[in-house]
C-alpha cells in the first residue's frame, strides 16, 4: 500500500500523467462495457463481426440509426469502434507481454552466462534488429497469411530484441553486486540467482520501455491491418476501419468532407489510445526511476 500511495502522489504531481491515466481508463471502460454499449445481434457467433446493413459501397453519414455512420460496404462504425477497443487492448497487451517475456529470458540468459551464450543470443538479436520493424513484420505476415493472430506474432517477432538488449545490459551490471555473490556463496543455483535476485532487480527499465512502446505496437498493428494483412473484412479493428475508408478520404465530387467520419473517428481513436499509453509510460518512468525519488 505505501508503494501505491507514493505512485499515486507521483502521478498527481504531473497533470499530463493524469491525462494518460484518464484516457486509458476511458478506453478500458469502453472495452469492458462493449456488450452493453454495442450489444451483438442475436445468434451472432463472433461478437467482433461488425453488423452489416447493406452491401452498397457508399458509406452512410451519422444518423439516429447509425451514430457514427457506416463505412464502405455498410459496416456500422459505432459498433466497430466499441468492439475495436477490445481488439486494441488484446493486441497491445498480448504483444507487449510476450515480447517482454521473450526479451527478459533471452537478455537475462545472455547477460548472466556471458561467453558463447551471450555471443549467440546477441548476434541473433542483432540480425533481427538489422531489419526495419514494419518491413520485417509485413514479410512475416505475408509468409504466414493475413490474420489478426499472425499480425500479433509478427509484431512480437520484431519487438522483443530491444527488450533483450536492455535486459542484458542491466543483468551484466546487477550480477556483479554483493548480494548476488552472497547468494552464490550460500549455494543458490543459477536459476534461483537469476530469477530470484537478478531479474527482479533488473527489470524496471524494461517495464518502462514496455509501457512507452505499447502505443507504437498498436500503430504497427493498425498499419498492417490497413495494408490488408490483418483481420478479415468486417472484423472490429480500428486499422481495418481506416482501410475501409481509403476510397472516401476525399469525399465526393463537390463535397470533400461528406464522409469525414470514415477517417476521422477511427483515426482520432487510435491517436488518443496511443497518446494515453505514451503519457502513462511517462508516469511509469517517473514512478520506477530511482533518480525521481
Protein backbone atom coordinates (compact mmCIF):
# COMPACT_ATOMS: atom_id res chain seq x y z
CA UNK A 1 0.00 0.00 0.00
CA UNK A 2 2.72 2.57 0.78
CA UNK A 3 4.17 1.98 -2.68
CA UNK A 4 0.78 2.55 -4.29
CA UNK A 5 0.35 5.77 -2.33
CA UNK A 6 3.77 7.01 -3.43
CA UNK A 7 2.98 6.08 -7.03
CA UNK A 8 -0.35 7.94 -6.90
CA UNK A 9 1.35 11.02 -5.40
CA UNK A 10 3.88 10.94 -8.23
CA UNK A 11 1.12 10.75 -10.84
CA UNK A 12 -0.93 13.53 -9.22
CA UNK A 13 2.01 15.91 -9.42
CA UNK A 14 2.02 15.60 -13.23
CA UNK A 15 -1.19 16.68 -14.99
CA UNK A 16 -0.20 15.00 -18.25
CA UNK A 17 0.22 11.71 -16.43
CA UNK A 18 -3.30 12.09 -15.06
CA UNK A 19 -4.50 12.69 -18.61
CA UNK A 20 -2.84 9.44 -19.69
CA UNK A 21 -4.48 7.52 -16.85
CA UNK A 22 -7.84 9.08 -17.74
CA UNK A 23 -7.54 8.18 -21.43
CA UNK A 24 -6.57 4.57 -20.78
CA UNK A 25 -9.26 4.34 -18.10
CA UNK A 26 -11.85 5.59 -20.59
CA UNK A 27 -10.86 3.08 -23.27
CA UNK A 28 -10.72 0.30 -20.67
CA UNK A 29 -14.26 1.15 -19.58
CA UNK A 30 -15.46 1.07 -23.19
CA UNK A 31 -13.79 -2.32 -23.71
CA UNK A 32 -15.31 -3.80 -20.55
CA UNK A 33 -18.77 -2.40 -21.30
CA UNK A 34 -18.70 -3.27 -25.02
CA UNK A 35 -21.58 -5.82 -24.74
CA UNK A 36 -23.70 -3.10 -23.11
CA UNK A 37 -22.68 -0.17 -25.32
CA UNK A 38 -22.98 -2.15 -28.55
CA UNK A 39 -24.92 -5.39 -27.97
CA UNK A 40 -24.18 -8.09 -30.56
CA UNK A 41 -27.03 -9.23 -32.76
CA UNK A 42 -28.91 -12.29 -31.51
CA UNK A 43 -27.42 -15.51 -32.80
CA UNK A 44 -24.07 -13.92 -33.66
CA UNK A 45 -21.28 -16.47 -33.32
CA UNK A 46 -18.50 -13.89 -33.08
CA UNK A 47 -19.29 -10.60 -31.35
CA UNK A 48 -16.33 -8.96 -33.11
CA UNK A 49 -18.02 -9.22 -36.52
CA UNK A 50 -19.48 -5.79 -37.33
CA UNK A 51 -23.18 -5.74 -38.29
CA UNK A 52 -23.71 -5.01 -41.97
CA UNK A 53 -26.87 -3.18 -43.00
CA UNK A 54 -26.33 -3.45 -46.76
CA UNK A 55 -23.80 -4.03 -49.48
CA UNK A 56 -23.63 -0.61 -51.13
CA UNK A 57 -20.06 0.68 -51.45
CA UNK A 58 -21.15 4.19 -50.40
CA UNK A 59 -20.81 4.98 -46.67
CA UNK A 60 -23.79 6.37 -44.76
CA UNK A 61 -23.35 9.56 -42.77
CA UNK A 62 -24.04 9.65 -38.99
CA UNK A 63 -27.73 9.39 -38.11
CA UNK A 64 -30.02 8.15 -35.33
CA UNK A 65 -29.80 4.63 -36.72
CA UNK A 66 -26.02 4.76 -37.14
CA UNK A 67 -24.49 7.04 -34.51
CA UNK A 68 -21.10 7.22 -36.22
CA UNK A 69 -22.38 6.41 -39.70
CA UNK A 70 -21.17 3.42 -41.69
CA UNK A 71 -18.02 2.53 -43.57
CA UNK A 72 -17.71 1.21 -47.08
CA UNK A 73 -19.94 -1.86 -47.56
CA UNK A 74 -22.31 -0.54 -44.86
CA UNK A 75 -20.47 -1.76 -41.74
CA UNK A 76 -21.71 0.06 -38.62
CA UNK A 77 -18.87 2.32 -37.50
CA UNK A 78 -20.09 2.76 -33.92
CA UNK A 79 -20.16 -1.00 -33.32
CA UNK A 80 -16.73 -1.38 -34.91
CA UNK A 81 -15.26 1.39 -32.75
CA UNK A 82 -16.63 -0.05 -29.48
CA UNK A 83 -15.56 -3.64 -30.09
CA UNK A 84 -12.38 -2.44 -31.77
CA UNK A 85 -11.35 -1.11 -28.35
CA UNK A 86 -11.19 -4.70 -27.11
CA UNK A 87 -9.15 -5.64 -30.17
CA UNK A 88 -6.71 -2.80 -29.47
CA UNK A 89 -6.20 -3.90 -25.86
CA UNK A 90 -5.86 -7.54 -26.89
CA UNK A 91 -3.19 -6.74 -29.47
CA UNK A 92 -1.31 -4.29 -27.25
CA UNK A 93 -1.22 -6.39 -24.08
CA UNK A 94 -0.51 -9.72 -25.77
CA UNK A 95 2.25 -8.38 -27.99
CA UNK A 96 3.96 -6.34 -25.28
CA UNK A 97 3.53 -9.06 -22.65
CA UNK A 98 5.01 -11.88 -24.71
CA UNK A 99 7.71 -9.62 -26.17
CA UNK A 100 8.81 -8.64 -22.66
CA UNK A 101 8.87 -12.28 -21.52
CA UNK A 102 10.99 -13.33 -24.52
CA UNK A 103 13.29 -10.35 -24.17
CA UNK A 104 13.75 -10.81 -20.42
CA UNK A 105 14.54 -14.53 -20.74
CA UNK A 106 16.96 -14.20 -23.65
CA UNK A 107 18.57 -10.99 -22.43
CA UNK A 108 18.80 -12.33 -18.90
CA UNK A 109 20.47 -15.56 -20.05
CA UNK A 110 22.90 -13.66 -22.29
CA UNK A 111 23.92 -11.22 -19.56
CA UNK A 112 24.12 -13.82 -16.81
CA UNK A 113 26.10 -16.55 -18.56
CA UNK A 114 28.13 -14.44 -21.00
CA UNK A 115 30.62 -16.24 -23.25
CA UNK A 116 29.27 -18.20 -26.19
CA UNK A 117 25.70 -17.98 -24.85
CA UNK A 118 25.87 -14.20 -24.92
CA UNK A 119 27.56 -14.18 -28.32
CA UNK A 120 24.99 -16.44 -29.98
CA UNK A 121 21.92 -14.76 -28.50
CA UNK A 122 23.11 -11.21 -29.12
CA UNK A 123 24.23 -11.88 -32.70
CA UNK A 124 20.79 -13.32 -33.42
CA UNK A 125 19.26 -10.24 -31.81
CA UNK A 126 21.43 -8.01 -33.99
CA UNK A 127 20.23 -9.82 -37.11
CA UNK A 128 16.58 -9.14 -36.20
CA UNK A 129 17.35 -5.51 -35.33
CA UNK A 130 19.06 -5.03 -38.69
CA UNK A 131 15.69 -5.17 -40.49
CA UNK A 132 13.20 -2.28 -40.36
CA UNK A 133 10.42 -3.30 -37.98
CA UNK A 134 7.46 -2.72 -40.27
CA UNK A 135 9.12 -4.29 -43.31
CA UNK A 136 10.05 -7.44 -41.38
CA UNK A 137 6.55 -7.63 -39.88
CA UNK A 138 4.99 -7.36 -43.35
CA UNK A 139 7.22 -10.16 -44.64
CA UNK A 140 6.33 -12.43 -41.71
CA UNK A 141 2.59 -11.87 -42.10
CA UNK A 142 2.82 -12.35 -45.87
CA UNK A 143 4.50 -15.72 -45.30
CA UNK A 144 2.10 -16.88 -42.57
CA UNK A 145 -1.04 -15.48 -44.20
CA UNK A 146 -3.24 -12.48 -43.30
CA UNK A 147 -4.96 -12.74 -39.91
CA UNK A 148 -5.05 -10.84 -36.64
CA UNK A 149 -3.20 -13.62 -34.81
CA UNK A 150 -0.42 -13.57 -37.40
CA UNK A 151 -0.19 -9.79 -37.07
CA UNK A 152 0.40 -10.20 -33.35
CA UNK A 153 3.04 -12.88 -33.94
CA UNK A 154 4.84 -10.69 -36.47
CA UNK A 155 4.87 -7.64 -34.20
CA UNK A 156 6.15 -9.81 -31.33
CA UNK A 157 8.94 -11.05 -33.59
CA UNK A 158 10.18 -7.51 -34.21
CA UNK A 159 9.58 -6.15 -30.68
CA UNK A 160 11.47 -8.49 -28.35
CA UNK A 161 15.09 -7.64 -29.43
CA UNK A 162 15.02 -4.16 -27.87
CA UNK A 163 13.92 -5.64 -24.53
CA UNK A 164 16.59 -8.34 -24.75
CA UNK A 165 19.43 -5.88 -25.28
CA UNK A 166 18.21 -3.62 -22.48
CA UNK A 167 17.82 -6.57 -20.11
CA UNK A 168 21.26 -7.92 -20.96
CA UNK A 169 22.97 -4.65 -20.02
CA UNK A 170 21.19 -4.40 -16.67
CA UNK A 171 21.83 -8.06 -15.81
CA UNK A 172 25.54 -7.67 -16.52
CA UNK A 173 25.60 -4.80 -14.03
CA UNK A 174 23.46 -6.39 -11.32
CA UNK A 175 25.22 -9.78 -11.35
CA UNK A 176 28.42 -8.14 -10.07
CA UNK A 177 26.80 -6.84 -6.90
CA UNK A 178 27.47 -8.17 -3.43
CA UNK A 179 24.04 -9.73 -2.79
CA UNK A 180 24.48 -11.94 -5.87
CA UNK A 181 27.91 -13.07 -4.64
CA UNK A 182 26.37 -13.79 -1.23
CA UNK A 183 23.60 -15.90 -2.78
CA UNK A 184 26.16 -17.83 -4.79
CA UNK A 185 28.28 -18.41 -1.66
CA UNK A 186 25.22 -19.84 0.11
CA UNK A 187 24.90 -22.45 -2.65
CA UNK A 188 21.98 -20.98 -4.60
CA UNK A 189 21.54 -22.45 -8.09
CA UNK A 190 21.96 -20.39 -11.23
CA UNK A 191 18.20 -20.46 -11.85
CA UNK A 192 17.44 -19.20 -8.35
CA UNK A 193 20.03 -16.45 -8.57
CA UNK A 194 18.79 -15.34 -11.97
CA UNK A 195 15.04 -15.42 -11.30
CA UNK A 196 15.02 -14.56 -7.59
CA UNK A 197 17.78 -11.98 -7.31
CA UNK A 198 18.96 -10.63 -10.67
CA UNK A 199 15.86 -10.30 -12.86
CA UNK A 200 13.69 -8.62 -10.17
CA UNK A 201 16.43 -6.00 -9.74
CA UNK A 202 17.00 -5.53 -13.47
CA UNK A 203 13.52 -5.49 -14.96
CA UNK A 204 12.39 -1.96 -14.10
CA UNK A 205 13.93 -0.26 -17.17
CA UNK A 206 12.33 -2.94 -19.35
CA UNK A 207 8.92 -2.23 -17.82
CA UNK A 208 9.34 1.47 -18.50
CA UNK A 209 10.25 0.87 -22.14
CA UNK A 210 7.37 -1.61 -22.48
CA UNK A 211 4.85 0.95 -21.25
CA UNK A 212 6.23 3.54 -23.64
CA UNK A 213 6.23 1.06 -26.54
CA UNK A 214 2.64 -0.10 -26.16
CA UNK A 215 1.36 2.75 -28.31
CA UNK A 216 3.77 2.03 -31.14
CA UNK A 217 2.66 -1.62 -31.11
CA UNK A 218 -0.93 -0.52 -31.72
CA UNK A 219 0.17 1.75 -34.58
CA UNK A 220 2.19 -1.06 -36.20
CA UNK A 221 -0.73 -3.49 -35.93
CA UNK A 222 -3.11 -0.86 -37.35
CA UNK A 223 -0.70 -0.25 -40.25
CA UNK A 224 -0.66 -3.96 -41.08
CA UNK A 225 -4.47 -4.08 -40.95
CA UNK A 226 -4.61 -1.02 -43.20
CA UNK A 227 -2.46 -2.89 -45.72
CA UNK A 228 -4.96 -5.76 -45.70
CA UNK A 229 -2.75 -8.13 -43.71
CA UNK A 230 -4.77 -8.13 -40.51
CA UNK A 231 -8.20 -9.31 -39.50
CA UNK A 232 -10.77 -10.36 -42.14
CA UNK A 233 -13.08 -7.73 -43.61
CA UNK A 234 -15.85 -6.86 -41.19
CA UNK A 235 -13.86 -7.61 -38.03
CA UNK A 236 -13.89 -4.90 -35.34
CA UNK A 237 -10.39 -3.50 -35.74
CA UNK A 238 -9.53 0.21 -35.93
CA UNK A 239 -6.83 -0.27 -38.54
CA UNK A 240 -9.23 -2.08 -40.84
CA UNK A 241 -11.90 0.58 -40.32
CA UNK A 242 -9.44 3.14 -41.67
CA UNK A 243 -8.64 0.76 -44.52
CA UNK A 244 -12.33 0.68 -45.42
CA UNK A 245 -12.28 4.48 -45.68
CA UNK A 246 -9.36 4.77 -48.10
CA UNK A 247 -11.65 5.29 -51.11
CA UNK A 248 -13.60 8.04 -49.34
CA UNK A 249 -10.85 10.21 -47.87
CA UNK A 250 -11.52 12.91 -50.48
CA UNK A 251 -15.29 12.70 -50.02
CA UNK A 252 -17.49 13.04 -53.06
CA UNK A 253 -17.46 15.40 -56.01
CA UNK A 254 -18.03 18.92 -54.74
CA UNK A 255 -18.09 17.87 -51.07
CA UNK A 256 -14.65 16.73 -49.83
CA UNK A 257 -15.88 16.39 -46.23
CA UNK A 258 -19.01 14.33 -46.92
CA UNK A 259 -17.55 11.13 -45.50
CA UNK A 260 -15.26 12.69 -42.90
CA UNK A 261 -16.49 10.25 -40.25
CA UNK A 262 -14.98 7.22 -42.02
CA UNK A 263 -11.45 8.55 -41.47
CA UNK A 264 -11.67 10.92 -38.52
CA UNK A 265 -13.43 8.72 -35.96
CA UNK A 266 -11.13 5.65 -36.11
CA UNK A 267 -8.13 7.92 -36.63
CA UNK A 268 -8.81 10.01 -33.53
CA UNK A 269 -9.42 6.83 -31.51
CA UNK A 270 -6.00 5.46 -32.45
CA UNK A 271 -4.42 8.84 -31.72
CA UNK A 272 -5.96 9.12 -28.25
CA UNK A 273 -5.26 5.47 -27.41
CA UNK A 274 -1.58 5.82 -28.33
CA UNK A 275 -1.34 9.20 -26.59
CA UNK A 276 -2.78 7.68 -23.43
CA UNK A 277 -0.19 4.89 -23.39
CA UNK A 278 2.65 7.34 -24.06
CA UNK A 279 1.59 9.59 -21.19
CA UNK A 280 1.06 6.56 -18.95
CA UNK A 281 4.54 5.36 -19.91
CA UNK A 282 5.97 8.69 -18.74
CA UNK A 283 4.17 8.19 -15.42
CA UNK A 284 5.59 4.66 -15.07
CA UNK A 285 9.07 6.02 -15.78
CA UNK A 286 8.68 8.68 -13.09
CA UNK A 287 7.45 6.08 -10.58
CA UNK A 288 10.16 3.47 -11.23
CA UNK A 289 13.12 5.76 -11.92
CA UNK A 290 15.13 5.90 -8.68
CA UNK A 291 16.50 9.30 -9.69
CA UNK A 292 12.99 10.74 -9.26
CA UNK A 293 12.91 9.72 -5.57
